[in-house]
């Protein structure tokens, strides 16, 4: 599995899991949403283990950039709210930071 695939899958699983809790708490959705939320968050955690880096903290830090972009895609597709230029600028900065963290040259 590529890093990008692991990050995208993890982002979708994390956002869906958190949204399930949000829906239960904020919209009075059925408590069954909590089961789906927990399952989704387990998938999220598992997918991050596939990121090709020797340090877990580095994988989690780099994942942050993908998460920000995925959250804005969720905002648009699920919640029907258009991200503004500040959202998009911030996401671009996050992706740049992710690339530096994950792919920056390291001492051997």
Foldseek 3Di string as FASTA:
>chain_A
DELVVLLLLLLVLQVQLVVLVCCCVPVVPDPVSNVSSVVSNVSNVVSLVPYPDPDSVLSVQLSVLVNLVSVQVCCCPVVVDHDDPVSVVVSVVSNVVSCCSRPPDDDD
